[in-house]
Amino acid sequence: MVQKQELLSTISKKIEKIAVESKAFEKSLEQNSPKGRNFKEDEEYLEANTENVLLKPFVEIFGYNTQSLTDPNRAVAQHKVNSRRVDLALFKNGQLSIVIECKGFNFNLNNKNYINQLSEYFNNIKPSPKFGILTNGLQYKFYASFDDSNRLDDNICFEFDIRTDSNNMEKLDRLYNILHEVDEETAKQAKTYSRTREFIEEDILNNPTDLFIRKGILETAKESSINLHEGKIITAKDTENLKPIVKKIFEDIIKERVQQGLIQAVNSNNPQPTEQEARNKIEFTELEHQALLIIKAIASELEDFDINRISPDDCQGHCNIILDGQARNKKICVLQFNNPNKLSISISNTPQALNSPSDIYKHKEEIKELIRSFI
C-alpha cells in the first residue's frame, strides 16, 4: 500500500508538470501559429502539436515507450487501422489495448463527430481494444465496450483532467489501473460511479422526483414508524408538499458540510492561541472567531494568497478584520457582534444584517474583490 501511494505521488508530480507546461504551450500556440491557413490546416497543426507536447509525455508516465516500434509496451503514432490511422495506439504486452483520438489543444470534446471517429477506429480492430480515449491534451475521456458486441459504448466510463485532478489520489489510482494495468473492472466501477452520481445529482439532489419522494422517503419513513405525511395513506399532495422541503434539506446539508470543511481546513493552519495570547484578546468572542475563520476560508479561494495575512483588530464595541496588520489602509470588514441577537457586518462602509456568522458567505464575492484590491 505504501509503495502504491509513493507511486501515485510520483505520477501526481509528473502530471502537474505537464499541466504547468500546458500553459506555456498555450502561449506558444498563440505566438507561433501561422496565419492565413484554413480551418483544416489549423486543426491538423493543433492536433500534431498537442500530441507531441502533451499526449506523448502523458502516456510515457504510465510506462508506454513512444520511441520504439518493438517494445511490448509501446505507443505508436499514426497506427494504421484498415484505411485509417489512429492518432496513438497503446500496446500492452504486445497487444493493442487502447486507441487514442487526439484533438487540438483545449478543443471541446463533446463534439459527437469526435466520438464517432473514435468508435470507427475501435470497432474496426480485431480483437477489439480494451479502451478508447478522446483527448485534447488537458482532458482525457475514457470509453469502453463491456458487453459482447465489441462496439464502443457512447457513455464515458472515466474522465481525468490534468489541470484539476492531478492531486486527487482516488482518481489517480483509477487512472493508473486503467491506463497502466488496462484493468476493465476498475473502468466498470468508475462508469457505475459516474452514472450513479449523475443520477443522484440530477434526479435526487437537484430535482427530487415524485417517485423518490414517495418511495425513498415517505414509504421508507412509514416502514420505520415515522409518519411524514398526514392521514392514513400517502397522497400525491403529500409528495408535492414534501418535495421543496427535501430539496432545501439537501442544499442545507451540502452548504453546512462545505462550511464545516472550510473551517476545519482553516483551523488546521491556525493553531490555538497560547494562554497569554488569549488573555491579550479577551474581548475576541467565539462568534467573532467563527466569522474570522469564515473570512479566511473565503480568502483561501484566491490564488496564491496566504490567509495568515488576515487578522482581527478587536476594538471596544466592534471588531475589524484587517490585512497585513493595517487597520487603517487594509480593512476588509467590521464585525458588530456584541449583541448575539443583532449581528452585522460592514464591507466598504456598507452595513449588512446577519442571522449567523455563516451568512457571511452571502458576501464572499465582495470580500474577495476587496482583498484583491489590497494585494
Protein backbone atom coordinates (compact mmCIF):
# COMPACT_ATOMS: atom_id res chain seq x y z
CA MET A 1 0.00 0.00 0.00
CA VAL A 2 2.84 2.38 0.91
CA GLN A 3 4.60 1.63 -2.37
CA LYS A 4 1.39 2.31 -4.32
CA GLN A 5 0.94 5.65 -2.54
CA GLU A 6 4.52 6.62 -3.32
CA LEU A 7 3.98 5.62 -6.96
CA LEU A 8 0.80 7.70 -7.21
CA SER A 9 2.59 10.63 -5.58
CA THR A 10 5.31 10.44 -8.24
CA ILE A 11 2.70 10.22 -11.01
CA SER A 12 0.90 13.21 -9.49
CA LYS A 13 4.05 15.36 -9.66
CA LYS A 14 4.72 14.37 -13.28
CA ILE A 15 1.16 15.19 -14.34
CA GLU A 16 1.36 18.52 -12.51
CA LYS A 17 4.50 19.30 -14.50
CA ILE A 18 2.66 18.63 -17.78
CA ALA A 19 -0.22 20.83 -16.60
CA VAL A 20 2.24 23.67 -15.94
CA GLU A 21 3.89 23.13 -19.33
CA SER A 22 0.45 23.24 -20.98
CA LYS A 23 0.18 26.93 -20.04
CA ALA A 24 3.47 27.73 -21.77
CA PHE A 25 2.34 25.57 -24.69
CA GLU A 26 -0.87 27.60 -24.98
CA LYS A 27 1.11 30.84 -25.14
CA SER A 28 3.47 29.44 -27.75
CA LEU A 29 0.50 28.43 -29.92
CA GLU A 30 -0.84 31.98 -29.74
CA GLN A 31 2.53 33.44 -30.70
CA ASN A 32 3.73 30.92 -33.29
CA SER A 33 0.59 29.68 -35.00
CA PRO A 34 0.92 30.60 -38.71
CA LYS A 35 -1.72 32.93 -40.08
CA GLY A 36 -3.74 32.65 -43.23
CA ARG A 37 -4.47 28.92 -43.11
CA ASN A 38 -7.88 27.32 -43.50
CA PHE A 39 -9.61 25.55 -40.61
CA LYS A 40 -8.47 22.08 -41.73
CA GLU A 41 -4.83 23.12 -41.72
CA ASP A 42 -5.17 24.82 -38.38
CA GLU A 43 -6.85 21.76 -36.84
CA GLU A 44 -4.11 19.45 -38.10
CA TYR A 45 -1.43 21.82 -36.79
CA LEU A 46 -3.02 21.93 -33.32
CA GLU A 47 -3.57 18.17 -33.15
CA ALA A 48 0.03 17.37 -34.11
CA ASN A 49 1.46 19.78 -31.55
CA THR A 50 -0.92 18.66 -28.81
CA GLU A 51 0.06 15.04 -29.43
CA ASN A 52 3.79 15.69 -29.29
CA VAL A 53 3.90 18.21 -26.43
CA LEU A 54 1.17 16.91 -24.08
CA LEU A 55 -0.19 13.48 -25.03
CA LYS A 56 3.04 11.54 -25.53
CA PRO A 57 4.66 12.74 -22.27
CA PHE A 58 1.40 11.82 -20.51
CA VAL A 59 1.32 8.19 -21.69
CA GLU A 60 5.05 7.84 -21.03
CA ILE A 61 4.28 8.36 -17.34
CA PHE A 62 2.38 5.07 -17.42
CA GLY A 63 5.17 3.05 -18.99
CA TYR A 64 4.48 3.35 -22.70
CA ASN A 65 7.56 3.77 -24.90
CA THR A 66 6.89 6.43 -27.57
CA GLN A 67 10.30 5.93 -29.26
CA SER A 68 10.12 2.21 -30.10
CA LEU A 69 8.17 0.07 -32.54
CA THR A 70 9.24 -3.20 -30.89
CA ASP A 71 8.81 -2.59 -27.16
CA PRO A 72 5.88 -4.77 -25.95
CA ASN A 73 4.61 -1.72 -24.03
CA ARG A 74 4.74 0.96 -26.70
CA ALA A 75 2.81 3.95 -28.01
CA VAL A 76 2.67 4.05 -31.80
CA ALA A 77 1.66 7.25 -33.57
CA GLN A 78 -0.43 7.09 -36.75
CA HIS A 79 -1.04 3.36 -36.35
CA LYS A 80 -2.87 2.04 -39.42
CA VAL A 81 -6.34 0.57 -38.95
CA ASN A 82 -7.69 -0.57 -42.33
CA SER A 83 -7.62 2.61 -44.44
CA ARG A 84 -7.49 4.96 -41.42
CA ARG A 85 -4.75 5.86 -38.95
CA VAL A 86 -5.17 6.06 -35.19
CA ASP A 87 -3.51 9.11 -33.63
CA LEU A 88 -1.88 6.99 -30.93
CA ALA A 89 -2.16 3.25 -30.31
CA LEU A 90 -1.06 1.85 -26.95
CA PHE A 91 0.27 -1.70 -26.88
CA LYS A 92 0.36 -3.61 -23.59
CA ASN A 93 2.44 -6.80 -23.57
CA GLY A 94 2.44 -6.70 -27.36
CA GLN A 95 -1.36 -6.49 -27.64
CA LEU A 96 -3.12 -3.38 -28.97
CA SER A 97 -5.12 -2.40 -25.88
CA ILE A 98 -6.00 1.30 -26.13
CA VAL A 99 -6.66 3.61 -29.07
CA ILE A 100 -6.44 7.38 -28.62
CA GLU A 101 -8.03 10.07 -30.73
CA CYS A 102 -6.21 13.35 -30.09
CA LYS A 103 -7.92 16.64 -30.92
CA GLY A 104 -6.42 20.12 -30.88
CA PHE A 105 -5.37 21.74 -27.62
CA ASN A 106 -8.38 22.54 -25.41
CA PHE A 107 -10.89 21.62 -28.14
CA ASN A 108 -14.43 20.90 -26.90
CA LEU A 109 -14.57 17.10 -26.67
CA ASN A 110 -18.38 16.94 -26.58
CA ASN A 111 -18.50 17.05 -30.38
CA LYS A 112 -20.42 13.93 -31.45
CA ASN A 113 -18.27 13.61 -34.57
CA TYR A 114 -15.17 13.09 -32.41
CA ILE A 115 -16.79 10.21 -30.53
CA ASN A 116 -17.97 8.68 -33.82
CA GLN A 117 -14.42 8.92 -35.17
CA LEU A 118 -13.04 7.13 -32.11
CA SER A 119 -15.78 4.47 -32.38
CA GLU A 120 -14.91 3.85 -36.02
CA TYR A 121 -11.31 3.05 -35.13
CA PHE A 122 -12.28 0.96 -32.12
CA ASN A 123 -14.95 -1.09 -33.88
CA ASN A 124 -12.71 -1.98 -36.83
CA ILE A 125 -9.91 -3.54 -34.78
CA LYS A 126 -9.98 -7.29 -34.16
CA PRO A 127 -9.65 -8.33 -31.44
CA SER A 128 -11.16 -5.15 -30.04
CA PRO A 129 -9.02 -2.94 -27.79
CA LYS A 130 -9.96 -2.63 -24.14
CA PHE A 131 -10.42 1.15 -24.19
CA GLY A 132 -10.78 4.16 -26.43
CA ILE A 133 -9.63 7.61 -25.26
CA LEU A 134 -10.65 11.01 -26.55
CA THR A 135 -8.34 13.85 -25.50
CA ASN A 136 -7.44 17.48 -26.16
CA GLY A 137 -4.22 17.30 -24.16
CA LEU A 138 -5.92 18.50 -20.99
CA GLN A 139 -8.98 16.29 -20.62
CA TYR A 140 -8.99 12.53 -21.10
CA LYS A 141 -12.35 10.83 -21.68
CA PHE A 142 -12.26 7.01 -21.47
CA TYR A 143 -14.71 4.79 -23.33
CA ALA A 144 -15.03 1.01 -23.39
CA SER A 145 -17.10 -1.95 -24.51
CA PHE A 146 -18.31 -4.05 -21.58
CA ASP A 147 -20.63 -6.41 -23.47
CA ASP A 148 -20.07 -8.97 -26.21
CA SER A 149 -20.80 -6.58 -29.09
CA ASN A 150 -17.19 -5.29 -29.22
CA ARG A 151 -18.64 -1.91 -30.01
CA LEU A 152 -17.64 1.23 -28.14
CA ASP A 153 -20.19 2.49 -25.63
CA ASP A 154 -21.01 6.19 -26.14
CA ASN A 155 -21.14 6.72 -22.38
CA ILE A 156 -17.91 7.81 -20.69
CA CYS A 157 -16.61 5.27 -18.19
CA PHE A 158 -13.93 7.54 -16.70
CA GLU A 159 -12.71 11.12 -17.06
CA PHE A 160 -9.48 12.81 -15.99
CA ASP A 161 -8.36 16.45 -16.27
CA ILE A 162 -4.64 17.16 -15.76
CA ARG A 163 -5.44 20.69 -14.50
CA THR A 164 -7.79 19.72 -11.68
CA ASP A 165 -7.29 16.03 -10.90
CA SER A 166 -3.52 15.64 -10.50
CA ASN A 167 -3.79 15.67 -6.68
CA ASN A 168 -6.94 13.56 -6.46
CA MET A 169 -5.45 10.26 -5.23
CA GLU A 170 -8.66 8.31 -5.78
CA LYS A 171 -8.82 9.40 -9.42
CA LEU A 172 -5.08 8.84 -9.88
CA ASP A 173 -5.48 5.29 -8.59
CA ARG A 174 -8.25 4.63 -11.13
CA LEU A 175 -6.24 6.26 -13.89
CA TYR A 176 -3.22 4.09 -13.11
CA ASN A 177 -5.32 0.89 -13.01
CA ILE A 178 -6.98 1.69 -16.33
CA LEU A 179 -4.06 3.16 -18.27
CA HIS A 180 -1.16 1.11 -16.92
CA GLU A 181 -2.84 -2.12 -15.83
CA VAL A 182 -5.56 -1.96 -18.54
CA ASP A 183 -7.97 -3.10 -15.83
CA GLU A 184 -11.54 -3.37 -17.11
CA GLU A 185 -13.01 -3.95 -13.64
CA THR A 186 -11.76 -0.56 -12.45
CA ALA A 187 -13.30 1.04 -15.53
CA LYS A 188 -16.63 -0.71 -14.87
CA GLN A 189 -16.65 0.55 -11.31
CA ALA A 190 -15.71 4.06 -12.47
CA LYS A 191 -18.55 4.01 -15.00
CA THR A 192 -21.05 2.79 -12.41
CA TYR A 193 -19.88 5.50 -10.01
CA SER A 194 -20.14 8.20 -12.68
CA ARG A 195 -23.63 7.26 -13.86
CA THR A 196 -24.94 6.71 -10.33
CA ARG A 197 -23.58 10.08 -9.22
CA GLU A 198 -25.11 11.79 -12.25
CA PHE A 199 -28.48 10.17 -11.44
CA ILE A 200 -28.30 11.19 -7.76
CA GLU A 201 -27.33 14.77 -8.61
CA GLU A 202 -29.96 15.25 -11.31
CA ASP A 203 -32.91 13.16 -10.06
CA ILE A 204 -32.43 13.40 -6.31
CA LEU A 205 -30.30 16.35 -5.17
CA ASN A 206 -31.08 18.97 -7.81
CA ASN A 207 -34.62 17.96 -8.64
CA PRO A 208 -36.07 15.21 -6.42
CA THR A 209 -38.57 13.16 -8.42
CA ASP A 210 -42.04 12.27 -7.17
CA LEU A 211 -41.03 8.61 -7.21
CA PHE A 212 -38.02 9.28 -4.97
CA ILE A 213 -40.06 11.41 -2.54
CA ARG A 214 -42.78 8.78 -2.29
CA LYS A 215 -40.78 5.55 -2.32
CA GLY A 216 -37.44 6.72 -0.99
CA ILE A 217 -38.66 8.95 1.84
CA LEU A 218 -42.38 8.76 2.68
CA GLU A 219 -42.81 4.98 2.37
CA THR A 220 -39.40 4.21 3.87
CA ALA A 221 -40.12 6.50 6.82
CA LYS A 222 -43.55 4.89 7.28
CA GLU A 223 -41.96 1.43 7.43
CA SER A 224 -39.78 2.78 10.26
CA SER A 225 -42.90 4.04 12.06
CA ILE A 226 -42.13 7.67 11.19
CA ASN A 227 -45.05 9.42 9.54
CA LEU A 228 -44.02 12.38 7.41
CA HIS A 229 -47.46 12.64 5.83
CA GLU A 230 -50.97 13.49 7.01
CA GLY A 231 -53.71 10.88 7.15
CA LYS A 232 -53.53 7.11 6.93
CA ILE A 233 -52.36 6.87 3.31
CA ILE A 234 -49.69 8.71 1.33
CA THR A 235 -51.26 11.00 -1.27
CA ALA A 236 -49.96 12.92 -4.26
CA LYS A 237 -50.40 16.11 -2.24
CA ASP A 238 -48.07 14.72 0.48
CA THR A 239 -45.45 14.08 -2.17
CA GLU A 240 -45.82 17.54 -3.67
CA ASN A 241 -45.67 19.26 -0.28
CA LEU A 242 -42.52 17.43 0.75
CA LYS A 243 -40.59 17.98 -2.48
CA PRO A 244 -39.40 21.60 -1.84
CA ILE A 245 -38.61 20.69 1.78
CA VAL A 246 -36.41 17.78 0.73
CA LYS A 247 -34.64 19.93 -1.85
CA LYS A 248 -33.88 22.59 0.78
CA ILE A 249 -32.66 19.95 3.25
CA PHE A 250 -30.17 18.65 0.65
CA GLU A 251 -28.98 22.19 -0.08
CA ASP A 252 -28.56 22.95 3.63
CA ILE A 253 -26.66 19.73 4.31
CA ILE A 254 -24.25 20.40 1.43
CA LYS A 255 -23.78 24.03 2.50
CA GLU A 256 -23.15 23.06 6.13
CA ARG A 257 -20.63 20.37 5.20
CA VAL A 258 -18.77 22.71 2.87
CA GLN A 259 -18.69 25.35 5.61
CA GLN A 260 -17.52 22.81 8.18
CA GLY A 261 -14.79 21.56 5.86
CA LEU A 262 -13.55 25.07 5.13
CA ILE A 263 -13.46 25.99 8.80
CA GLN A 264 -11.59 22.78 9.66
CA ALA A 265 -9.11 23.47 6.87
CA VAL A 266 -8.51 26.99 8.16
CA ASN A 267 -8.23 25.73 11.75
CA SER A 268 -5.54 23.26 10.72
CA ASN A 269 -3.42 26.21 9.55
CA ASN A 270 -4.19 28.28 12.64
CA PRO A 271 -3.06 26.67 15.92
CA GLN A 272 -4.90 27.58 19.11
CA PRO A 273 -3.52 30.72 20.84
CA THR A 274 -1.41 30.47 23.97
CA GLU A 275 -2.87 31.45 27.35
CA GLN A 276 -1.05 34.80 27.19
CA GLU A 277 -2.44 35.48 23.71
CA ALA A 278 -5.89 34.53 24.91
CA ARG A 279 -5.64 36.99 27.80
CA ASN A 280 -4.46 39.71 25.44
CA LYS A 281 -7.51 39.16 23.25
CA ILE A 282 -10.04 38.58 25.99
CA GLU A 283 -12.74 40.53 24.14
CA PHE A 284 -12.47 38.42 20.98
CA THR A 285 -15.71 36.39 21.20
CA GLU A 286 -16.49 32.93 19.85
CA LEU A 287 -18.87 34.41 17.24
CA GLU A 288 -16.13 36.79 16.06
CA HIS A 289 -13.71 33.87 15.91
CA GLN A 290 -16.18 31.92 13.70
CA ALA A 291 -16.54 34.96 11.44
CA LEU A 292 -12.75 35.29 11.15
CA LEU A 293 -12.43 31.63 10.13
CA ILE A 294 -15.17 32.01 7.52
CA ILE A 295 -13.49 35.11 6.06
CA LYS A 296 -10.17 33.22 5.91
CA ALA A 297 -11.98 30.30 4.24
CA ILE A 298 -13.37 32.69 1.62
CA ALA A 299 -9.92 34.21 1.10
CA SER A 300 -8.43 30.73 0.60
CA GLU A 301 -10.20 30.66 -2.79
CA LEU A 302 -7.86 33.41 -4.00
CA GLU A 303 -4.92 32.07 -5.97
CA ASP A 304 -1.51 32.17 -4.21
CA PHE A 305 -2.90 34.06 -1.22
CA ASP A 306 -1.65 33.43 2.33
CA ILE A 307 -4.68 33.51 4.62
CA ASN A 308 -2.44 34.12 7.62
CA ARG A 309 -2.14 37.73 6.39
CA ILE A 310 -5.69 38.21 7.71
CA SER A 311 -6.11 39.01 11.41
CA PRO A 312 -8.62 40.54 13.85
CA ASP A 313 -8.26 44.01 15.34
CA ASP A 314 -10.61 43.93 18.31
CA CYS A 315 -11.91 47.28 19.47
CA GLN A 316 -14.44 48.46 22.02
CA GLY A 317 -17.86 47.72 20.56
CA HIS A 318 -16.72 46.17 17.28
CA CYS A 319 -14.04 44.03 15.64
CA ASN A 320 -12.11 44.94 12.48
CA ILE A 321 -10.88 42.16 10.18
CA ILE A 322 -7.73 43.51 8.54
CA LEU A 323 -4.97 42.57 6.11
CA ASP A 324 -1.25 42.71 6.90
CA GLY A 325 -1.96 44.26 10.30
CA GLN A 326 -3.05 47.54 8.68
CA ALA A 327 -6.33 48.62 10.26
CA ARG A 328 -6.31 52.00 8.56
CA ASN A 329 -5.47 51.13 4.94
CA LYS A 330 -6.43 47.48 4.57
CA LYS A 331 -9.66 46.98 6.47
CA ILE A 332 -11.60 44.05 4.99
CA CYS A 333 -14.72 44.45 7.12
CA VAL A 334 -16.11 45.47 10.50
CA LEU A 335 -17.99 42.99 12.69
CA GLN A 336 -20.71 44.25 15.03
CA PHE A 337 -21.18 41.12 17.14
CA ASN A 338 -21.56 42.49 20.68
CA ASN A 339 -25.27 41.69 20.67
CA PRO A 340 -25.66 37.99 19.63
CA ASN A 341 -29.25 38.72 18.61
CA LYS A 342 -28.31 41.59 16.32
CA LEU A 343 -25.26 40.70 14.24
CA SER A 344 -24.00 42.78 11.32
CA ILE A 345 -21.00 43.12 9.03
CA SER A 346 -19.84 46.30 7.25
CA ILE A 347 -17.98 45.91 3.97
CA SER A 348 -16.74 49.11 2.32
CA ASN A 349 -18.72 51.04 4.94
CA THR A 350 -21.97 49.33 3.96
CA PRO A 351 -23.61 47.51 6.91
CA GLN A 352 -25.39 44.19 6.30
CA ALA A 353 -27.52 42.34 8.86
CA LEU A 354 -26.61 38.71 9.61
CA ASN A 355 -28.63 35.93 11.19
CA SER A 356 -25.45 34.00 11.99
CA PRO A 357 -21.74 34.11 11.03
CA SER A 358 -22.43 31.64 8.18
CA ASP A 359 -24.41 34.40 6.40
CA ILE A 360 -21.03 36.00 5.64
CA TYR A 361 -20.80 33.52 2.75
CA LYS A 362 -23.52 35.53 1.02
CA HIS A 363 -21.00 38.38 0.69
CA LYS A 364 -17.98 36.30 -0.32
CA GLU A 365 -17.59 37.91 -3.76
CA GLU A 366 -17.49 41.41 -2.20
CA ILE A 367 -14.93 40.23 0.35
CA LYS A 368 -12.74 38.56 -2.28
CA GLU A 369 -12.90 41.64 -4.51
CA LEU A 370 -11.91 43.92 -1.63
CA ILE A 371 -8.95 41.69 -0.71
CA ARG A 372 -7.85 41.65 -4.35
CA SER A 373 -7.82 45.44 -4.34
CA PHE A 374 -5.43 45.39 -1.35
CA ILE A 375 -2.98 42.90 -2.84
